[in-house]
N, C-alpha and C. Protein backbone atom coordinates (compact mmCIF):
# COMPACT_ATOMS: atom_id res chain seq x y z
N TYR A 1 102.56 141.22 135.50
CA TYR A 1 102.01 139.89 135.61
C TYR A 1 100.87 139.77 134.62
N ARG A 2 100.82 138.69 133.84
CA ARG A 2 99.74 138.47 132.88
C ARG A 2 99.11 137.11 133.15
N LEU A 3 97.81 137.13 133.30
CA LEU A 3 97.05 135.91 133.55
C LEU A 3 96.30 135.54 132.28
N LYS A 4 96.47 134.31 131.84
CA LYS A 4 95.74 133.81 130.67
C LYS A 4 94.91 132.61 131.08
N ASN A 5 93.68 132.59 130.59
CA ASN A 5 92.77 131.51 130.91
C ASN A 5 91.95 131.23 129.65
N GLU A 6 91.74 129.99 129.32
CA GLU A 6 91.03 129.65 128.09
C GLU A 6 89.58 130.13 128.08
N THR A 7 88.96 130.23 129.26
CA THR A 7 87.53 130.58 129.30
C THR A 7 87.26 132.00 129.81
N GLU A 8 88.29 132.73 130.25
CA GLU A 8 88.13 134.08 130.78
C GLU A 8 89.05 135.04 130.03
N PRO A 9 88.72 136.33 130.04
CA PRO A 9 89.62 137.29 129.38
C PRO A 9 90.98 137.33 130.08
N SER A 10 92.02 137.61 129.32
CA SER A 10 93.35 137.76 129.90
C SER A 10 93.36 138.96 130.84
N PHE A 11 94.25 138.93 131.81
CA PHE A 11 94.31 139.98 132.81
C PHE A 11 95.76 140.38 133.03
N ASP A 12 96.05 141.68 132.95
CA ASP A 12 97.39 142.21 133.24
C ASP A 12 97.36 142.88 134.60
N TRP A 13 98.40 142.64 135.40
CA TRP A 13 98.48 143.22 136.73
C TRP A 13 99.89 143.72 136.99
N GLU A 14 99.99 144.94 137.53
CA GLU A 14 101.29 145.51 137.84
C GLU A 14 101.15 146.35 139.09
N TRP A 15 102.16 146.32 139.97
CA TRP A 15 102.14 147.14 141.17
C TRP A 15 103.55 147.63 141.46
N LYS A 16 103.64 148.89 141.85
CA LYS A 16 104.91 149.49 142.26
C LYS A 16 104.72 150.14 143.62
N ALA A 17 105.62 149.88 144.54
CA ALA A 17 105.53 150.46 145.88
C ALA A 17 105.51 151.98 145.82
N SER A 18 106.15 152.56 144.84
CA SER A 18 106.22 154.02 144.71
C SER A 18 104.87 154.64 144.34
N SER A 19 103.88 153.82 144.00
CA SER A 19 102.57 154.35 143.61
C SER A 19 101.82 154.97 144.80
N GLY A 20 102.19 154.59 146.04
CA GLY A 20 101.49 155.11 147.21
C GLY A 20 100.19 154.38 147.51
N ARG A 21 99.88 153.38 146.73
CA ARG A 21 98.67 152.58 146.95
C ARG A 21 99.09 151.14 147.23
N PHE A 22 98.19 150.39 147.86
CA PHE A 22 98.46 148.98 148.15
C PHE A 22 98.05 148.11 146.97
N PRO A 23 98.63 146.92 146.83
CA PRO A 23 98.24 146.04 145.72
C PRO A 23 96.76 145.66 145.78
N ASP A 24 96.21 145.58 146.97
CA ASP A 24 94.80 145.23 147.14
C ASP A 24 93.97 146.46 147.52
N GLN A 25 94.30 147.61 146.98
CA GLN A 25 93.65 148.87 147.35
C GLN A 25 92.13 148.81 147.17
N TYR A 26 91.65 148.14 146.12
CA TYR A 26 90.20 148.04 145.91
C TYR A 26 89.54 147.37 147.12
N SER A 27 90.13 146.27 147.60
CA SER A 27 89.58 145.58 148.76
C SER A 27 89.61 146.48 149.99
N ILE A 28 90.70 147.18 150.19
CA ILE A 28 90.83 148.07 151.34
C ILE A 28 89.78 149.17 151.28
N ASP A 29 89.55 149.73 150.10
CA ASP A 29 88.60 150.82 149.93
C ASP A 29 87.14 150.38 150.03
N HIS A 30 86.88 149.09 149.86
CA HIS A 30 85.50 148.61 149.80
C HIS A 30 85.18 147.61 150.91
N MET A 31 85.89 147.68 152.02
CA MET A 31 85.65 146.75 153.12
C MET A 31 85.25 147.53 154.37
N LEU A 32 84.24 147.04 155.04
CA LEU A 32 83.87 147.58 156.34
C LEU A 32 84.14 146.51 157.38
N GLU A 33 84.92 146.83 158.38
CA GLU A 33 85.12 145.91 159.49
C GLU A 33 84.06 146.24 160.51
N LEU A 34 83.08 145.37 160.64
CA LEU A 34 81.94 145.67 161.50
C LEU A 34 82.28 145.52 162.97
N GLN A 35 82.89 144.42 163.34
CA GLN A 35 83.22 144.21 164.74
C GLN A 35 84.36 143.19 164.81
N ALA A 36 85.57 143.69 164.99
CA ALA A 36 86.72 142.79 165.08
C ALA A 36 86.60 141.94 166.34
N ASN A 37 87.02 140.70 166.24
CA ASN A 37 86.99 139.77 167.37
C ASN A 37 88.29 138.96 167.35
N PRO A 38 89.41 139.64 167.59
CA PRO A 38 90.71 138.94 167.50
C PRO A 38 90.94 138.02 168.69
N PRO A 39 91.79 137.00 168.51
CA PRO A 39 92.13 136.15 169.65
C PRO A 39 92.94 136.94 170.67
N VAL A 40 92.59 136.78 171.92
CA VAL A 40 93.34 137.37 173.03
C VAL A 40 93.55 136.29 174.07
N GLU A 41 94.47 136.51 174.97
CA GLU A 41 94.78 135.50 175.97
C GLU A 41 93.54 135.12 176.77
N GLY A 42 93.28 133.83 176.83
CA GLY A 42 92.15 133.32 177.61
C GLY A 42 90.82 133.33 176.88
N LYS A 43 90.77 133.86 175.66
CA LYS A 43 89.51 133.89 174.91
C LYS A 43 89.74 133.43 173.49
N ARG A 44 88.83 132.62 173.00
CA ARG A 44 88.89 132.17 171.61
C ARG A 44 87.73 132.80 170.85
N PRO A 45 88.02 133.54 169.79
CA PRO A 45 86.94 134.19 169.05
C PRO A 45 86.03 133.17 168.37
N ASP A 46 84.76 133.46 168.41
CA ASP A 46 83.77 132.66 167.70
C ASP A 46 82.80 133.66 167.09
N ASN A 47 82.80 133.76 165.79
CA ASN A 47 81.91 134.70 165.13
C ASN A 47 81.63 134.23 163.71
N GLY A 48 80.65 134.84 163.11
CA GLY A 48 80.28 134.49 161.75
C GLY A 48 78.80 134.21 161.65
N TYR A 49 78.44 133.28 160.79
CA TYR A 49 77.03 132.91 160.58
C TYR A 49 76.20 134.14 160.24
N SER A 50 76.77 135.04 159.46
CA SER A 50 76.11 136.32 159.20
C SER A 50 75.07 136.23 158.09
N SER A 51 74.22 137.23 158.06
CA SER A 51 73.21 137.36 157.02
C SER A 51 72.91 138.84 156.84
N TRP A 52 72.31 139.19 155.71
CA TRP A 52 72.00 140.58 155.45
C TRP A 52 70.79 140.66 154.53
N VAL A 53 70.17 141.84 154.54
CA VAL A 53 69.05 142.11 153.65
C VAL A 53 69.13 143.58 153.24
N GLU A 54 68.82 143.87 151.99
CA GLU A 54 68.78 145.26 151.54
C GLU A 54 67.40 145.82 151.85
N LEU A 55 67.37 146.93 152.57
CA LEU A 55 66.12 147.58 152.95
C LEU A 55 65.59 148.43 151.79
N PRO A 56 64.29 148.76 151.78
CA PRO A 56 63.71 149.53 150.67
C PRO A 56 64.42 150.84 150.39
N GLU A 57 65.01 151.48 151.40
CA GLU A 57 65.70 152.76 151.22
C GLU A 57 67.10 152.59 150.65
N GLY A 58 67.52 151.32 150.43
CA GLY A 58 68.85 151.07 149.89
C GLY A 58 69.89 150.77 150.95
N GLN A 59 69.53 150.89 152.23
CA GLN A 59 70.47 150.55 153.29
C GLN A 59 70.56 149.03 153.42
N ILE A 60 71.62 148.58 154.04
CA ILE A 60 71.83 147.15 154.30
C ILE A 60 71.65 146.92 155.80
N TYR A 61 70.82 145.93 156.15
CA TYR A 61 70.69 145.50 157.55
C TYR A 61 71.43 144.18 157.65
N PHE A 62 72.42 144.14 158.53
CA PHE A 62 73.33 143.02 158.66
C PHE A 62 73.24 142.46 160.07
N VAL A 63 73.22 141.14 160.23
CA VAL A 63 73.26 140.51 161.54
C VAL A 63 74.42 139.51 161.57
N ASP A 64 75.00 139.35 162.74
CA ASP A 64 76.15 138.47 162.89
C ASP A 64 76.17 137.90 164.30
N TYR A 65 76.79 136.76 164.44
CA TYR A 65 76.96 136.06 165.71
C TYR A 65 78.37 136.32 166.21
N THR A 66 78.52 136.60 167.50
CA THR A 66 79.86 136.82 168.06
C THR A 66 79.86 136.49 169.56
N ASN A 67 81.03 136.20 170.06
CA ASN A 67 81.20 136.05 171.51
C ASN A 67 82.08 137.16 172.08
N LYS A 68 82.30 138.21 171.30
CA LYS A 68 83.14 139.32 171.75
C LYS A 68 82.55 139.96 173.01
N GLY A 69 83.36 140.01 174.06
CA GLY A 69 82.94 140.62 175.31
C GLY A 69 82.08 139.74 176.19
N ASP A 70 81.75 138.54 175.76
CA ASP A 70 80.89 137.64 176.53
C ASP A 70 81.72 136.65 177.34
N GLN A 71 81.18 136.25 178.48
CA GLN A 71 81.82 135.22 179.28
C GLN A 71 81.55 133.87 178.64
N PRO A 72 82.58 133.02 178.51
CA PRO A 72 82.34 131.68 177.94
C PRO A 72 81.34 130.92 178.79
N PRO A 73 80.45 130.18 178.24
CA PRO A 73 80.31 129.83 176.83
C PRO A 73 79.21 130.64 176.13
N THR A 74 78.97 131.87 176.52
CA THR A 74 77.87 132.63 175.92
C THR A 74 78.32 133.40 174.68
N ALA A 75 77.35 133.83 173.91
CA ALA A 75 77.58 134.62 172.70
C ALA A 75 76.31 135.43 172.44
N HIS A 76 76.33 136.26 171.44
CA HIS A 76 75.15 137.06 171.12
C HIS A 76 75.12 137.41 169.64
N LEU A 77 73.98 137.90 169.20
CA LEU A 77 73.82 138.42 167.85
C LEU A 77 73.88 139.94 167.92
N TYR A 78 74.39 140.56 166.88
CA TYR A 78 74.31 142.01 166.80
C TYR A 78 73.88 142.38 165.40
N GLY A 79 73.32 143.56 165.28
CA GLY A 79 72.88 144.05 163.99
C GLY A 79 73.55 145.37 163.67
N ALA A 80 73.70 145.65 162.40
CA ALA A 80 74.27 146.91 161.95
C ALA A 80 73.52 147.36 160.70
N VAL A 81 73.30 148.66 160.60
CA VAL A 81 72.67 149.24 159.42
C VAL A 81 73.71 150.13 158.76
N PHE A 82 73.93 149.95 157.47
CA PHE A 82 74.88 150.79 156.76
C PHE A 82 74.45 150.96 155.32
N SER A 83 75.11 151.87 154.62
CA SER A 83 74.79 152.13 153.21
C SER A 83 76.10 152.30 152.44
N LYS A 84 75.99 152.50 151.15
CA LYS A 84 77.17 152.72 150.32
C LYS A 84 77.96 153.93 150.79
N ASN A 85 77.31 154.89 151.40
CA ASN A 85 78.00 156.09 151.89
C ASN A 85 78.94 155.80 153.05
N ASP A 86 78.82 154.64 153.66
CA ASP A 86 79.71 154.26 154.76
C ASP A 86 81.01 153.64 154.27
N PHE A 87 81.28 153.68 152.97
CA PHE A 87 82.48 153.08 152.41
C PHE A 87 83.52 154.09 151.95
N PRO A 88 83.60 155.31 152.51
CA PRO A 88 84.63 156.23 152.03
C PRO A 88 86.02 155.69 152.37
N THR A 89 86.97 155.91 151.48
CA THR A 89 88.33 155.42 151.66
C THR A 89 88.91 155.89 152.99
N GLY A 90 89.40 154.93 153.75
CA GLY A 90 90.11 155.24 154.99
C GLY A 90 89.23 155.58 156.17
N ALA A 91 87.94 155.73 155.99
CA ALA A 91 87.08 156.12 157.10
C ALA A 91 85.93 155.14 157.31
N ALA A 92 85.95 154.02 156.63
CA ALA A 92 84.82 153.11 156.66
C ALA A 92 84.53 152.59 158.06
N SER A 93 85.53 152.09 158.77
CA SER A 93 85.28 151.54 160.09
C SER A 93 84.76 152.59 161.06
N ALA A 94 85.32 153.78 161.04
CA ALA A 94 84.88 154.85 161.94
C ALA A 94 83.44 155.24 161.64
N ALA A 95 83.09 155.31 160.37
CA ALA A 95 81.72 155.69 160.00
C ALA A 95 80.73 154.65 160.47
N LEU A 96 81.08 153.39 160.36
CA LEU A 96 80.13 152.35 160.72
C LEU A 96 79.91 152.26 162.22
N ARG A 97 80.89 152.58 163.04
CA ARG A 97 80.73 152.47 164.48
C ARG A 97 79.51 153.23 164.98
N ARG A 98 79.10 154.27 164.25
CA ARG A 98 77.91 155.02 164.64
C ARG A 98 76.64 154.22 164.44
N HIS A 99 76.68 153.16 163.61
CA HIS A 99 75.47 152.45 163.21
C HIS A 99 75.29 151.09 163.88
N VAL A 100 76.23 150.61 164.67
CA VAL A 100 76.10 149.29 165.27
C VAL A 100 75.00 149.32 166.32
N LEU A 101 74.07 148.37 166.19
CA LEU A 101 72.90 148.32 167.05
C LEU A 101 72.90 147.04 167.86
N PRO A 102 72.43 147.08 169.11
CA PRO A 102 72.25 145.82 169.84
C PRO A 102 71.10 145.05 169.20
N PHE A 103 71.23 143.76 169.07
CA PHE A 103 70.19 142.97 168.41
C PHE A 103 69.51 142.06 169.42
N SER A 104 70.23 141.13 169.99
CA SER A 104 69.68 140.29 171.03
C SER A 104 70.83 139.64 171.78
N LYS A 105 70.55 139.14 172.95
CA LYS A 105 71.57 138.52 173.78
C LYS A 105 71.00 137.23 174.33
N ARG A 106 71.80 136.19 174.36
CA ARG A 106 71.30 134.97 174.97
C ARG A 106 72.16 134.58 176.14
């Protein structure tokens, strides 16, 4: 696949299933799922409104709004601290679970 754009450099893209990697491998390798909130029977997920700040030591402090585990119509904020070291391929979510902190509850 070749992408041409008048204002951006051309881009070539190729993927083969036999490579053993996914087409979006970069995204998979660089994503942390902090707290999944999938739809389940009787509950509608409500989450987002997140923010983050880089701490002086290079760690990231992240806050997010969610209703996961809460009785409707309540929700809460949670915080998580993580760093670039929490992004190893295939282990990112497990590594981060150690860092999820309670933030506040309303």
